[in-house]
Amino acid sequence: MGGWFRKEINTVDDLKGLKFRVGGFAGYVLERLGVVPQQLAGGDIYPALEKGTLDAVEFTGPYDDEKLGFVKVAPYYYAPGFWEGGPTVHFFFSKEKFEALPANYQAIVRACARAADNKMIADYDWNNPKALLRLVQEGAQIRSFAPEIMSAAFDAANTVYDEMSAKHEWFKKLWDSIKAFRSEHYTYTQLVDFQYDYYMMQLNGQKRL
């Protein structure tokens, strides 16, 4: 999700001067739109929102956000969290040490990492929809970021990526790989996944599911 806001955000101008608890790289991009990124620990967010020293916060999604009670002090719940299109988990370790393991141990590490990532996504897919409905019942007002904001953020992000690519060869290699995959991925999903999901969403809206 895109986060909890004390007031509605309708235009890019509404972002200027906004004190927004948002993580690392996302904050660096949003800063280009006038946002003032804030870094606060989880336990400090609610009091800061309540007092008005924070204007907005993004945390995770409905299931995790619900536990922290943001809906009580910042009722506007925006989507999507365009700086984090989906969740994943990472397992970092020494490449040298990993390659020194026997083949069967390497296979165990790969299998466990994949299982942990898949379980995390499955848990959120199950829990987030239920939590979102509960939050609406508690007073959350669901909003979508305006196309103007999405486009401005997209342009700002690409400017940042271009600047980093010019400075760091490793980043350019990574970014070029992502762009190539992204183009192929969306070409495929537009034809298959999106059409299926959109059809099922229409049926759901017609109360036929």
N, C-alpha and C. Protein backbone atom coordinates (compact mmCIF):
# COMPACT_ATOMS: atom_id res chain seq x y z
N MET A 1 0.83 -1.20 0.00
CA MET A 1 0.00 0.00 0.00
C MET A 1 0.88 1.26 0.00
N GLY A 2 0.24 2.37 -0.38
CA GLY A 2 0.99 3.62 -0.49
C GLY A 2 1.12 4.39 0.80
N GLY A 3 0.38 3.98 1.84
CA GLY A 3 0.58 4.60 3.13
C GLY A 3 -0.62 5.35 3.67
N TRP A 4 -0.47 5.81 4.90
CA TRP A 4 -1.51 6.51 5.65
C TRP A 4 -1.20 7.99 5.68
N PHE A 5 -2.22 8.81 5.37
CA PHE A 5 -2.03 10.25 5.29
C PHE A 5 -3.06 10.96 6.16
N ARG A 6 -2.62 12.03 6.81
CA ARG A 6 -3.53 12.82 7.66
C ARG A 6 -4.48 13.66 6.82
N LYS A 7 -4.09 13.97 5.58
CA LYS A 7 -4.94 14.74 4.68
C LYS A 7 -4.91 14.09 3.30
N GLU A 8 -5.86 14.46 2.46
CA GLU A 8 -5.90 13.90 1.11
C GLU A 8 -4.76 14.46 0.26
N ILE A 9 -4.25 13.62 -0.64
CA ILE A 9 -3.17 13.99 -1.53
C ILE A 9 -3.71 13.90 -2.96
N ASN A 10 -4.00 15.04 -3.56
CA ASN A 10 -4.63 15.05 -4.87
C ASN A 10 -3.70 15.45 -6.01
N THR A 11 -2.68 16.25 -5.70
CA THR A 11 -1.77 16.74 -6.73
C THR A 11 -0.33 16.62 -6.24
N VAL A 12 0.60 16.83 -7.16
CA VAL A 12 2.02 16.80 -6.79
C VAL A 12 2.31 17.91 -5.78
N ASP A 13 1.64 19.05 -5.92
CA ASP A 13 1.87 20.15 -4.98
C ASP A 13 1.53 19.76 -3.55
N ASP A 14 0.59 18.84 -3.39
CA ASP A 14 0.21 18.39 -2.04
C ASP A 14 1.34 17.61 -1.36
N LEU A 15 2.31 17.16 -2.14
CA LEU A 15 3.43 16.41 -1.58
C LEU A 15 4.53 17.32 -1.04
N LYS A 16 4.54 18.57 -1.49
CA LYS A 16 5.63 19.47 -1.14
C LYS A 16 5.59 19.81 0.35
N GLY A 17 6.71 19.52 1.00
CA GLY A 17 6.82 19.77 2.44
C GLY A 17 6.21 18.70 3.30
N LEU A 18 5.67 17.63 2.68
CA LEU A 18 5.01 16.56 3.42
C LEU A 18 6.04 15.76 4.21
N LYS A 19 5.87 15.70 5.51
CA LYS A 19 6.78 14.91 6.37
C LYS A 19 6.30 13.47 6.35
N PHE A 20 7.03 12.64 5.64
CA PHE A 20 6.57 11.30 5.28
C PHE A 20 7.57 10.27 5.78
N ARG A 21 7.10 9.38 6.65
CA ARG A 21 7.96 8.28 7.10
C ARG A 21 7.99 7.26 5.97
N VAL A 22 9.10 7.23 5.25
CA VAL A 22 9.24 6.34 4.10
C VAL A 22 10.68 5.87 4.04
N GLY A 23 10.85 4.60 3.70
CA GLY A 23 12.17 3.97 3.77
C GLY A 23 13.15 4.41 2.69
N GLY A 24 14.40 4.38 3.04
CA GLY A 24 15.59 4.59 2.24
C GLY A 24 15.47 5.11 0.82
N PHE A 25 15.57 4.19 -0.15
CA PHE A 25 15.66 4.59 -1.54
C PHE A 25 14.40 5.28 -2.01
N ALA A 26 13.23 4.83 -1.53
CA ALA A 26 11.96 5.47 -1.89
C ALA A 26 11.96 6.93 -1.45
N GLY A 27 12.48 7.18 -0.27
CA GLY A 27 12.55 8.55 0.23
C GLY A 27 13.44 9.41 -0.64
N TYR A 28 14.52 8.83 -1.14
CA TYR A 28 15.46 9.55 -2.00
C TYR A 28 14.77 9.99 -3.29
N VAL A 29 13.91 9.14 -3.84
CA VAL A 29 13.16 9.47 -5.06
C VAL A 29 12.07 10.49 -4.75
N LEU A 30 11.28 10.24 -3.70
CA LEU A 30 10.16 11.13 -3.38
C LEU A 30 10.63 12.52 -2.98
N GLU A 31 11.85 12.61 -2.51
CA GLU A 31 12.42 13.90 -2.17
C GLU A 31 12.44 14.82 -3.39
N ARG A 32 12.57 14.24 -4.57
CA ARG A 32 12.56 15.02 -5.81
C ARG A 32 11.21 15.69 -6.06
N LEU A 33 10.18 15.18 -5.41
CA LEU A 33 8.83 15.74 -5.57
C LEU A 33 8.46 16.68 -4.43
N GLY A 34 9.42 16.95 -3.57
CA GLY A 34 9.18 17.88 -2.47
C GLY A 34 8.87 17.24 -1.15
N VAL A 35 8.80 15.91 -1.11
CA VAL A 35 8.56 15.19 0.14
C VAL A 35 9.76 15.36 1.08
N VAL A 36 9.49 15.41 2.36
CA VAL A 36 10.56 15.46 3.36
C VAL A 36 10.60 14.09 4.04
N PRO A 37 11.48 13.19 3.58
CA PRO A 37 11.52 11.83 4.14
C PRO A 37 11.92 11.83 5.60
N GLN A 38 11.28 10.95 6.36
CA GLN A 38 11.58 10.80 7.79
C GLN A 38 11.87 9.32 8.07
N GLN A 39 12.85 9.08 8.92
CA GLN A 39 13.17 7.72 9.33
C GLN A 39 12.84 7.56 10.81
N LEU A 40 11.82 6.76 11.08
CA LEU A 40 11.43 6.50 12.47
C LEU A 40 11.25 5.02 12.67
N ALA A 41 11.58 4.55 13.86
CA ALA A 41 11.35 3.16 14.22
C ALA A 41 9.85 2.92 14.34
N GLY A 42 9.44 1.67 14.15
CA GLY A 42 8.02 1.32 14.16
C GLY A 42 7.26 1.84 15.35
N GLY A 43 7.83 1.72 16.55
CA GLY A 43 7.15 2.12 17.76
C GLY A 43 6.99 3.62 17.94
N ASP A 44 7.73 4.41 17.15
CA ASP A 44 7.68 5.87 17.28
C ASP A 44 6.72 6.51 16.28
N ILE A 45 6.20 5.72 15.34
CA ILE A 45 5.42 6.30 14.24
C ILE A 45 4.07 6.82 14.73
N TYR A 46 3.34 5.99 15.47
CA TYR A 46 1.98 6.39 15.88
C TYR A 46 1.97 7.69 16.67
N PRO A 47 2.82 7.83 17.71
CA PRO A 47 2.83 9.09 18.46
C PRO A 47 3.16 10.29 17.58
N ALA A 48 4.07 10.10 16.61
CA ALA A 48 4.45 11.21 15.73
C ALA A 48 3.28 11.61 14.82
N LEU A 49 2.53 10.62 14.33
CA LEU A 49 1.34 10.92 13.52
C LEU A 49 0.28 11.62 14.36
N GLU A 50 0.10 11.14 15.57
CA GLU A 50 -0.93 11.68 16.46
C GLU A 50 -0.65 13.14 16.80
N LYS A 51 0.62 13.46 17.02
CA LYS A 51 1.00 14.83 17.39
C LYS A 51 1.11 15.76 16.18
N GLY A 52 1.18 15.18 14.96
CA GLY A 52 1.31 16.00 13.77
C GLY A 52 2.74 16.30 13.39
N THR A 53 3.70 15.68 14.08
CA THR A 53 5.10 15.86 13.68
C THR A 53 5.41 15.02 12.44
N LEU A 54 4.51 14.08 12.12
CA LEU A 54 4.53 13.34 10.86
C LEU A 54 3.21 13.60 10.15
N ASP A 55 3.28 13.74 8.81
CA ASP A 55 2.06 13.92 8.03
C ASP A 55 1.55 12.62 7.43
N ALA A 56 2.46 11.68 7.25
CA ALA A 56 2.09 10.44 6.58
C ALA A 56 3.13 9.36 6.89
N VAL A 57 2.71 8.11 6.67
CA VAL A 57 3.62 6.99 6.90
C VAL A 57 3.29 5.87 5.93
N GLU A 58 4.31 5.25 5.39
CA GLU A 58 4.12 3.98 4.70
C GLU A 58 4.85 2.95 5.52
N PHE A 59 4.20 1.80 5.71
CA PHE A 59 4.84 0.75 6.50
C PHE A 59 4.94 -0.52 5.67
N THR A 60 3.87 -1.26 5.56
CA THR A 60 3.91 -2.48 4.75
C THR A 60 2.63 -2.60 3.95
N GLY A 61 1.62 -3.18 4.60
CA GLY A 61 0.33 -3.41 3.97
C GLY A 61 -0.71 -3.57 5.05
N PRO A 62 -1.96 -3.83 4.68
CA PRO A 62 -3.04 -3.86 5.66
C PRO A 62 -2.79 -4.74 6.88
N TYR A 63 -2.28 -5.95 6.66
CA TYR A 63 -2.13 -6.90 7.77
C TYR A 63 -1.17 -6.38 8.83
N ASP A 64 -0.04 -5.83 8.41
CA ASP A 64 0.93 -5.29 9.36
C ASP A 64 0.50 -3.91 9.86
N ASP A 65 -0.03 -3.10 8.97
CA ASP A 65 -0.42 -1.74 9.35
C ASP A 65 -1.53 -1.74 10.40
N GLU A 66 -2.43 -2.70 10.27
CA GLU A 66 -3.57 -2.78 11.20
C GLU A 66 -3.09 -2.87 12.65
N LYS A 67 -2.03 -3.60 12.87
CA LYS A 67 -1.54 -3.82 14.23
C LYS A 67 -1.05 -2.53 14.89
N LEU A 68 -0.64 -1.56 14.07
CA LEU A 68 -0.07 -0.33 14.61
C LEU A 68 -1.10 0.79 14.76
N GLY A 69 -2.34 0.56 14.32
CA GLY A 69 -3.42 1.50 14.59
C GLY A 69 -3.38 2.81 13.85
N PHE A 70 -2.70 2.88 12.72
CA PHE A 70 -2.58 4.14 11.99
C PHE A 70 -3.93 4.73 11.60
N VAL A 71 -4.91 3.86 11.38
CA VAL A 71 -6.23 4.32 10.92
C VAL A 71 -6.85 5.33 11.89
N LYS A 72 -6.46 5.30 13.14
CA LYS A 72 -7.05 6.18 14.16
C LYS A 72 -6.58 7.62 14.03
N VAL A 73 -5.42 7.84 13.41
CA VAL A 73 -4.85 9.19 13.38
C VAL A 73 -4.54 9.69 11.97
N ALA A 74 -4.57 8.80 10.98
CA ALA A 74 -4.30 9.19 9.59
C ALA A 74 -5.22 8.34 8.70
N PRO A 75 -6.47 8.77 8.51
CA PRO A 75 -7.49 7.90 7.93
C PRO A 75 -7.39 7.65 6.43
N TYR A 76 -6.63 8.47 5.71
CA TYR A 76 -6.59 8.30 4.25
C TYR A 76 -5.53 7.26 3.88
N TYR A 77 -5.99 6.15 3.35
CA TYR A 77 -5.11 5.00 3.06
C TYR A 77 -4.95 4.90 1.54
N TYR A 78 -3.76 5.22 1.08
CA TYR A 78 -3.52 5.33 -0.36
C TYR A 78 -2.89 4.09 -0.97
N ALA A 79 -3.18 3.90 -2.25
CA ALA A 79 -2.60 2.81 -3.04
C ALA A 79 -2.34 3.34 -4.45
N PRO A 80 -1.38 2.75 -5.15
CA PRO A 80 -0.49 1.68 -4.69
C PRO A 80 0.80 2.24 -4.10
N GLY A 81 1.55 1.37 -3.44
CA GLY A 81 2.89 1.74 -3.00
C GLY A 81 3.83 1.56 -4.19
N PHE A 82 3.85 2.56 -5.07
CA PHE A 82 4.55 2.41 -6.35
C PHE A 82 6.06 2.28 -6.20
N TRP A 83 6.59 2.62 -5.04
CA TRP A 83 8.04 2.47 -4.81
C TRP A 83 8.40 1.04 -4.39
N GLU A 84 7.39 0.23 -4.15
CA GLU A 84 7.63 -1.16 -3.75
C GLU A 84 6.49 -2.02 -4.30
N GLY A 85 6.62 -2.39 -5.58
CA GLY A 85 5.53 -3.05 -6.28
C GLY A 85 5.14 -4.41 -5.73
N GLY A 86 6.01 -5.02 -4.96
CA GLY A 86 5.69 -6.32 -4.38
C GLY A 86 6.76 -6.72 -3.37
N PRO A 87 6.41 -7.66 -2.49
CA PRO A 87 7.35 -8.04 -1.45
C PRO A 87 8.31 -9.15 -1.88
N THR A 88 9.45 -9.15 -1.27
CA THR A 88 10.36 -10.29 -1.39
C THR A 88 11.26 -10.28 -0.17
N VAL A 89 11.90 -11.39 0.08
CA VAL A 89 12.88 -11.45 1.16
C VAL A 89 14.22 -11.88 0.57
N HIS A 90 15.28 -11.51 1.24
CA HIS A 90 16.62 -11.80 0.74
C HIS A 90 17.43 -12.56 1.79
N PHE A 91 18.26 -13.42 1.30
CA PHE A 91 19.15 -14.19 2.17
C PHE A 91 20.57 -13.90 1.69
N PHE A 92 21.31 -13.14 2.48
CA PHE A 92 22.66 -12.75 2.10
C PHE A 92 23.69 -13.65 2.80
N PHE A 93 24.67 -14.06 2.03
CA PHE A 93 25.74 -14.88 2.59
C PHE A 93 26.95 -14.80 1.67
N SER A 94 28.06 -15.33 2.14
CA SER A 94 29.30 -15.30 1.37
C SER A 94 29.21 -16.25 0.17
N LYS A 95 29.41 -15.72 -1.02
CA LYS A 95 29.39 -16.54 -2.23
C LYS A 95 30.50 -17.60 -2.16
N GLU A 96 31.63 -17.20 -1.64
CA GLU A 96 32.76 -18.14 -1.52
C GLU A 96 32.41 -19.29 -0.57
N LYS A 97 31.81 -18.97 0.57
CA LYS A 97 31.44 -20.01 1.53
C LYS A 97 30.35 -20.92 0.95
N PHE A 98 29.39 -20.31 0.23
CA PHE A 98 28.31 -21.09 -0.35
C PHE A 98 28.86 -22.08 -1.37
N GLU A 99 29.75 -21.63 -2.23
CA GLU A 99 30.30 -22.51 -3.27
C GLU A 99 31.19 -23.59 -2.69
N ALA A 100 31.64 -23.40 -1.44
CA ALA A 100 32.47 -24.42 -0.79
C ALA A 100 31.62 -25.53 -0.18
N LEU A 101 30.32 -25.32 -0.07
CA LEU A 101 29.43 -26.34 0.49
C LEU A 101 29.26 -27.50 -0.48
N PRO A 102 29.00 -28.71 0.02
CA PRO A 102 28.65 -29.84 -0.86
C PRO A 102 27.38 -29.50 -1.65
N ALA A 103 27.23 -30.11 -2.81
CA ALA A 103 26.12 -29.80 -3.70
C ALA A 103 24.75 -30.00 -3.01
N ASN A 104 24.66 -31.05 -2.17
CA ASN A 104 23.37 -31.28 -1.52
C ASN A 104 23.04 -30.19 -0.49
N TYR A 105 24.06 -29.64 0.17
CA TYR A 105 23.83 -28.54 1.11
C TYR A 105 23.44 -27.26 0.37
N GLN A 106 24.07 -27.04 -0.79
CA GLN A 106 23.68 -25.89 -1.60
C GLN A 106 22.21 -26.00 -2.01
N ALA A 107 21.79 -27.20 -2.36
CA ALA A 107 20.40 -27.41 -2.76
C ALA A 107 19.45 -27.14 -1.59
N ILE A 108 19.87 -27.51 -0.37
CA ILE A 108 19.04 -27.25 0.81
C ILE A 108 18.89 -25.76 1.04
N VAL A 109 19.98 -25.00 0.90
CA VAL A 109 19.92 -23.55 1.09
C VAL A 109 18.97 -22.93 0.06
N ARG A 110 19.09 -23.34 -1.19
CA ARG A 110 18.21 -22.80 -2.24
C ARG A 110 16.75 -23.14 -1.96
N ALA A 111 16.49 -24.37 -1.58
CA ALA A 111 15.12 -24.81 -1.33
C ALA A 111 14.51 -24.05 -0.15
N CYS A 112 15.28 -23.89 0.92
CA CYS A 112 14.77 -23.19 2.10
C CYS A 112 14.51 -21.72 1.80
N ALA A 113 15.40 -21.09 1.04
CA ALA A 113 15.22 -19.68 0.70
C ALA A 113 13.96 -19.49 -0.14
N ARG A 114 13.76 -20.37 -1.12
CA ARG A 114 12.57 -20.27 -1.96
C ARG A 114 11.30 -20.52 -1.15
N ALA A 115 11.36 -21.48 -0.26
CA ALA A 115 10.19 -21.79 0.56
C ALA A 115 9.83 -20.62 1.47
N ALA A 116 10.84 -19.99 2.06
CA ALA A 116 10.58 -18.85 2.95
C ALA A 116 9.95 -17.69 2.18
N ASP A 117 10.47 -17.42 0.98
CA ASP A 117 9.93 -16.32 0.17
C ASP A 117 8.50 -16.62 -0.26
N ASN A 118 8.24 -17.84 -0.72
CA ASN A 118 6.90 -18.21 -1.16
C ASN A 118 5.90 -18.18 -0.01
N LYS A 119 6.33 -18.62 1.18
CA LYS A 119 5.43 -18.60 2.33
C LYS A 119 5.08 -17.17 2.72
N MET A 120 6.06 -16.28 2.69
CA MET A 120 5.81 -14.88 3.02
C MET A 120 4.75 -14.29 2.10
N ILE A 121 4.89 -14.51 0.79
CA ILE A 121 3.92 -13.97 -0.17
C ILE A 121 2.55 -14.60 0.04
N ALA A 122 2.52 -15.91 0.25
CA ALA A 122 1.24 -16.59 0.47
C ALA A 122 0.54 -16.08 1.73
N ASP A 123 1.31 -15.85 2.80
CA ASP A 123 0.72 -15.34 4.04
C ASP A 123 0.09 -13.97 3.82
N TYR A 124 0.78 -13.09 3.10
CA TYR A 124 0.24 -11.75 2.85
C TYR A 124 -0.96 -11.81 1.90
N ASP A 125 -0.91 -12.67 0.90
CA ASP A 125 -2.04 -12.80 -0.03
C ASP A 125 -3.30 -13.25 0.72
N TRP A 126 -3.12 -14.04 1.76
CA TRP A 126 -4.26 -14.53 2.54
C TRP A 126 -4.73 -13.48 3.55
N ASN A 127 -3.79 -12.83 4.23
CA ASN A 127 -4.14 -11.94 5.34
C ASN A 127 -4.48 -10.51 4.94
N ASN A 128 -3.84 -9.98 3.88
CA ASN A 128 -4.06 -8.57 3.53
C ASN A 128 -5.51 -8.24 3.15
N PRO A 129 -6.17 -9.05 2.30
CA PRO A 129 -7.55 -8.70 1.95
C PRO A 129 -8.48 -8.63 3.16
N LYS A 130 -8.34 -9.58 4.08
CA LYS A 130 -9.18 -9.60 5.27
C LYS A 130 -8.90 -8.37 6.15
N ALA A 131 -7.62 -8.05 6.29
CA ALA A 131 -7.25 -6.90 7.12
C ALA A 131 -7.75 -5.60 6.50
N LEU A 132 -7.70 -5.50 5.17
CA LEU A 132 -8.16 -4.28 4.51
C LEU A 132 -9.65 -4.04 4.78
N LEU A 133 -10.45 -5.10 4.72
CA LEU A 133 -11.88 -4.97 5.00
C LEU A 133 -12.12 -4.53 6.44
N ARG A 134 -11.33 -5.07 7.37
CA ARG A 134 -11.48 -4.66 8.77
C ARG A 134 -11.12 -3.18 8.94
N LEU A 135 -10.07 -2.74 8.25
CA LEU A 135 -9.65 -1.35 8.36
C LEU A 135 -10.71 -0.39 7.81
N VAL A 136 -11.35 -0.79 6.73
CA VAL A 136 -12.43 0.04 6.18
C VAL A 136 -13.56 0.15 7.19
N GLN A 137 -13.86 -0.94 7.87
CA GLN A 137 -14.91 -0.92 8.90
C GLN A 137 -14.53 -0.02 10.07
N GLU A 138 -13.22 0.15 10.28
CA GLU A 138 -12.74 1.01 11.37
C GLU A 138 -12.65 2.48 10.95
N GLY A 139 -12.90 2.75 9.67
CA GLY A 139 -12.89 4.14 9.23
C GLY A 139 -11.85 4.52 8.19
N ALA A 140 -11.06 3.56 7.74
CA ALA A 140 -10.07 3.86 6.70
C ALA A 140 -10.78 4.32 5.43
N GLN A 141 -10.29 5.40 4.85
CA GLN A 141 -10.83 5.92 3.60
C GLN A 141 -9.83 5.60 2.50
N ILE A 142 -10.21 4.66 1.65
CA ILE A 142 -9.30 4.18 0.61
C ILE A 142 -9.22 5.20 -0.53
N ARG A 143 -8.01 5.52 -0.94
CA ARG A 143 -7.77 6.44 -2.02
C ARG A 143 -6.72 5.86 -2.98
N SER A 144 -6.76 6.33 -4.21
CA SER A 144 -5.73 5.96 -5.20
C SER A 144 -4.93 7.21 -5.54
N PHE A 145 -3.63 7.06 -5.68
CA PHE A 145 -2.81 8.19 -6.12
C PHE A 145 -3.24 8.62 -7.52
N ALA A 146 -3.36 9.91 -7.73
CA ALA A 146 -3.77 10.45 -9.02
C ALA A 146 -2.72 10.12 -10.08
N PRO A 147 -3.15 9.96 -11.35
CA PRO A 147 -2.20 9.71 -12.44
C PRO A 147 -1.08 10.74 -12.50
N GLU A 148 -1.41 11.99 -12.17
CA GLU A 148 -0.39 13.05 -12.15
C GLU A 148 0.74 12.72 -11.19
N ILE A 149 0.38 12.21 -10.03
CA ILE A 149 1.39 11.87 -9.01
C ILE A 149 2.19 10.64 -9.46
N MET A 150 1.50 9.64 -9.98
CA MET A 150 2.19 8.44 -10.46
C MET A 150 3.20 8.78 -11.55
N SER A 151 2.80 9.63 -12.50
CA SER A 151 3.69 9.99 -13.60
C SER A 151 4.89 10.79 -13.12
N ALA A 152 4.63 11.73 -12.21
CA ALA A 152 5.73 12.55 -11.68
C ALA A 152 6.72 11.68 -10.91
N ALA A 153 6.21 10.73 -10.15
CA ALA A 153 7.09 9.83 -9.39
C ALA A 153 7.87 8.92 -10.33
N PHE A 154 7.22 8.44 -11.38
CA PHE A 154 7.90 7.58 -12.36
C PHE A 154 9.06 8.35 -13.02
N ASP A 155 8.80 9.59 -13.41
CA ASP A 155 9.85 10.40 -14.04
C ASP A 155 10.98 10.68 -13.06
N ALA A 156 10.63 10.98 -11.82
CA ALA A 156 11.65 11.26 -10.82
C ALA A 156 12.51 10.03 -10.56
N ALA A 157 11.87 8.88 -10.49
CA ALA A 157 12.61 7.63 -10.26
C ALA A 157 13.59 7.37 -11.41
N ASN A 158 13.14 7.55 -12.64
CA ASN A 158 14.02 7.30 -13.78
C ASN A 158 15.18 8.29 -13.84
N THR A 159 14.93 9.51 -13.40
CA THR A 159 16.03 10.49 -13.32
C THR A 159 17.09 10.02 -12.32
N VAL A 160 16.62 9.54 -11.17
CA VAL A 160 17.55 9.03 -10.15
C VAL A 160 18.32 7.83 -10.69
N TYR A 161 17.62 6.91 -11.36
CA TYR A 161 18.28 5.71 -11.90
C TYR A 161 19.32 6.08 -12.96
N ASP A 162 19.00 7.06 -13.80
CA ASP A 162 19.96 7.50 -14.83
C ASP A 162 21.19 8.11 -14.19
N GLU A 163 20.98 8.90 -13.15
CA GLU A 163 22.12 9.52 -12.45
C GLU A 163 23.00 8.46 -11.82
N MET A 164 22.38 7.47 -11.19
CA MET A 164 23.15 6.41 -10.54
C MET A 164 23.86 5.53 -11.57
N SER A 165 23.20 5.30 -12.70
CA SER A 165 23.81 4.50 -13.76
C SER A 165 25.06 5.18 -14.31
N ALA A 166 25.02 6.51 -14.37
CA ALA A 166 26.17 7.26 -14.88
C ALA A 166 27.36 7.22 -13.91
N LYS A 167 27.05 7.04 -12.63
CA LYS A 167 28.10 7.05 -11.61
C LYS A 167 28.62 5.66 -11.27
N HIS A 168 27.76 4.64 -11.39
CA HIS A 168 28.11 3.31 -10.91
C HIS A 168 27.84 2.25 -11.99
N GLU A 169 28.87 1.62 -12.46
CA GLU A 169 28.72 0.61 -13.51
C GLU A 169 27.90 -0.58 -13.03
N TRP A 170 28.08 -0.96 -11.76
CA TRP A 170 27.33 -2.10 -11.22
C TRP A 170 25.83 -1.81 -11.21
N PHE A 171 25.48 -0.53 -10.91
CA PHE A 171 24.05 -0.18 -10.91
C PHE A 171 23.50 -0.18 -12.33
N LYS A 172 24.27 0.33 -13.29
CA LYS A 172 23.83 0.35 -14.69
C LYS A 172 23.57 -1.07 -15.19
N LYS A 173 24.45 -2.00 -14.84
CA LYS A 173 24.28 -3.39 -15.25
C LYS A 173 22.99 -3.96 -14.67
N LEU A 174 22.75 -3.68 -13.39
CA LEU A 174 21.55 -4.16 -12.71
C LEU A 174 20.30 -3.54 -13.33
N TRP A 175 20.30 -2.23 -13.54
CA TRP A 175 19.14 -1.51 -14.04
C TRP A 175 18.81 -1.91 -15.49
N ASP A 176 19.83 -2.09 -16.30
CA ASP A 176 19.60 -2.53 -17.69
C ASP A 176 18.94 -3.90 -17.72
N SER A 177 19.37 -4.78 -16.82
CA SER A 177 18.79 -6.12 -16.75
C SER A 177 17.33 -6.06 -16.32
N ILE A 178 17.04 -5.23 -15.33
CA ILE A 178 15.66 -5.08 -14.85
C ILE A 178 14.76 -4.55 -15.95
N LYS A 179 15.22 -3.54 -16.69
CA LYS A 179 14.39 -2.94 -17.74
C LYS A 179 14.08 -3.95 -18.84
N ALA A 180 15.06 -4.74 -19.21
CA ALA A 180 14.83 -5.74 -20.25
C ALA A 180 13.82 -6.78 -19.80
N PHE A 181 13.97 -7.26 -18.57
CA PHE A 181 13.01 -8.23 -18.04
C PHE A 181 11.63 -7.61 -17.93
N ARG A 182 11.56 -6.39 -17.43
CA ARG A 182 10.28 -5.72 -17.21
C ARG A 182 9.48 -5.60 -18.50
N SER A 183 10.14 -5.24 -19.57
CA SER A 183 9.46 -5.10 -20.85
C SER A 183 8.85 -6.42 -21.31
N GLU A 184 9.61 -7.48 -21.23
CA GLU A 184 9.12 -8.81 -21.62
C GLU A 184 8.00 -9.26 -20.68
N HIS A 185 8.18 -9.01 -19.39
CA HIS A 185 7.22 -9.46 -18.39
C HIS A 185 5.85 -8.82 -18.60
N TYR A 186 5.83 -7.51 -18.79
CA TYR A 186 4.54 -6.83 -18.94
C TYR A 186 3.88 -7.14 -20.27
N THR A 187 4.67 -7.39 -21.30
CA THR A 187 4.10 -7.81 -22.58
C THR A 187 3.33 -9.11 -22.40
N TYR A 188 3.92 -10.04 -21.66
CA TYR A 188 3.28 -11.33 -21.42
C TYR A 188 2.07 -11.21 -20.50
N THR A 189 2.25 -10.53 -19.35
CA THR A 189 1.17 -10.46 -18.36
C THR A 189 -0.02 -9.67 -18.88
N GLN A 190 0.22 -8.69 -19.76
CA GLN A 190 -0.90 -7.94 -20.35
C GLN A 190 -1.78 -8.87 -21.17
N LEU A 191 -1.15 -9.81 -21.86
CA LEU A 191 -1.89 -10.74 -22.71
C LEU A 191 -2.61 -11.81 -21.89
N VAL A 192 -1.97 -12.30 -20.84
CA VAL A 192 -2.48 -13.47 -20.12
C VAL A 192 -3.02 -13.10 -18.73
N ASP A 193 -2.16 -12.81 -17.79
CA ASP A 193 -2.56 -12.62 -16.40
C ASP A 193 -3.55 -11.47 -16.24
N PHE A 194 -3.25 -10.32 -16.86
CA PHE A 194 -4.09 -9.15 -16.67
C PHE A 194 -5.50 -9.40 -17.20
N GLN A 195 -5.61 -9.98 -18.37
CA GLN A 195 -6.94 -10.22 -18.94
C GLN A 195 -7.75 -11.17 -18.07
N TYR A 196 -7.09 -12.21 -17.57
CA TYR A 196 -7.79 -13.15 -16.68
C TYR A 196 -8.23 -12.46 -15.40
N ASP A 197 -7.28 -11.75 -14.76
CA ASP A 197 -7.60 -11.08 -13.49
C ASP A 197 -8.69 -10.03 -13.69
N TYR A 198 -8.62 -9.27 -14.77
CA TYR A 198 -9.61 -8.23 -15.00
C TYR A 198 -11.00 -8.84 -15.20
N TYR A 199 -11.06 -9.95 -15.92
CA TYR A 199 -12.34 -10.62 -16.13
C TYR A 199 -12.92 -11.10 -14.80
N MET A 200 -12.07 -11.71 -13.98
CA MET A 200 -12.53 -12.20 -12.69
C MET A 200 -12.94 -11.05 -11.77
N MET A 201 -12.26 -9.93 -11.86
CA MET A 201 -12.64 -8.76 -11.07
C MET A 201 -14.02 -8.24 -11.48
N GLN A 202 -14.28 -8.27 -12.78
CA GLN A 202 -15.61 -7.87 -13.26
C GLN A 202 -16.69 -8.79 -12.69
N LEU A 203 -16.43 -10.09 -12.70
CA LEU A 203 -17.38 -11.04 -12.14
C LEU A 203 -17.59 -10.79 -10.64
N ASN A 204 -16.49 -10.48 -9.96
CA ASN A 204 -16.60 -10.19 -8.54
C ASN A 204 -17.46 -8.95 -8.30
N GLY A 205 -17.26 -7.93 -9.13
CA GLY A 205 -18.06 -6.72 -9.01
C GLY A 205 -19.54 -6.97 -9.29
N GLN A 206 -19.83 -7.98 -10.09
CA GLN A 206 -21.21 -8.34 -10.41
C GLN A 206 -21.79 -9.34 -9.41
N LYS A 207 -21.01 -9.63 -8.36
CA LYS A 207 -21.42 -10.56 -7.32
C LYS A 207 -21.70 -11.97 -7.90
N ARG A 208 -20.88 -12.36 -8.87
CA ARG A 208 -21.06 -13.68 -9.50
C ARG A 208 -20.03 -14.68 -9.03
N LEU A 209 -19.11 -14.26 -8.19
CA LEU A 209 -18.09 -15.21 -7.68
C LEU A 209 -18.54 -15.76 -6.33
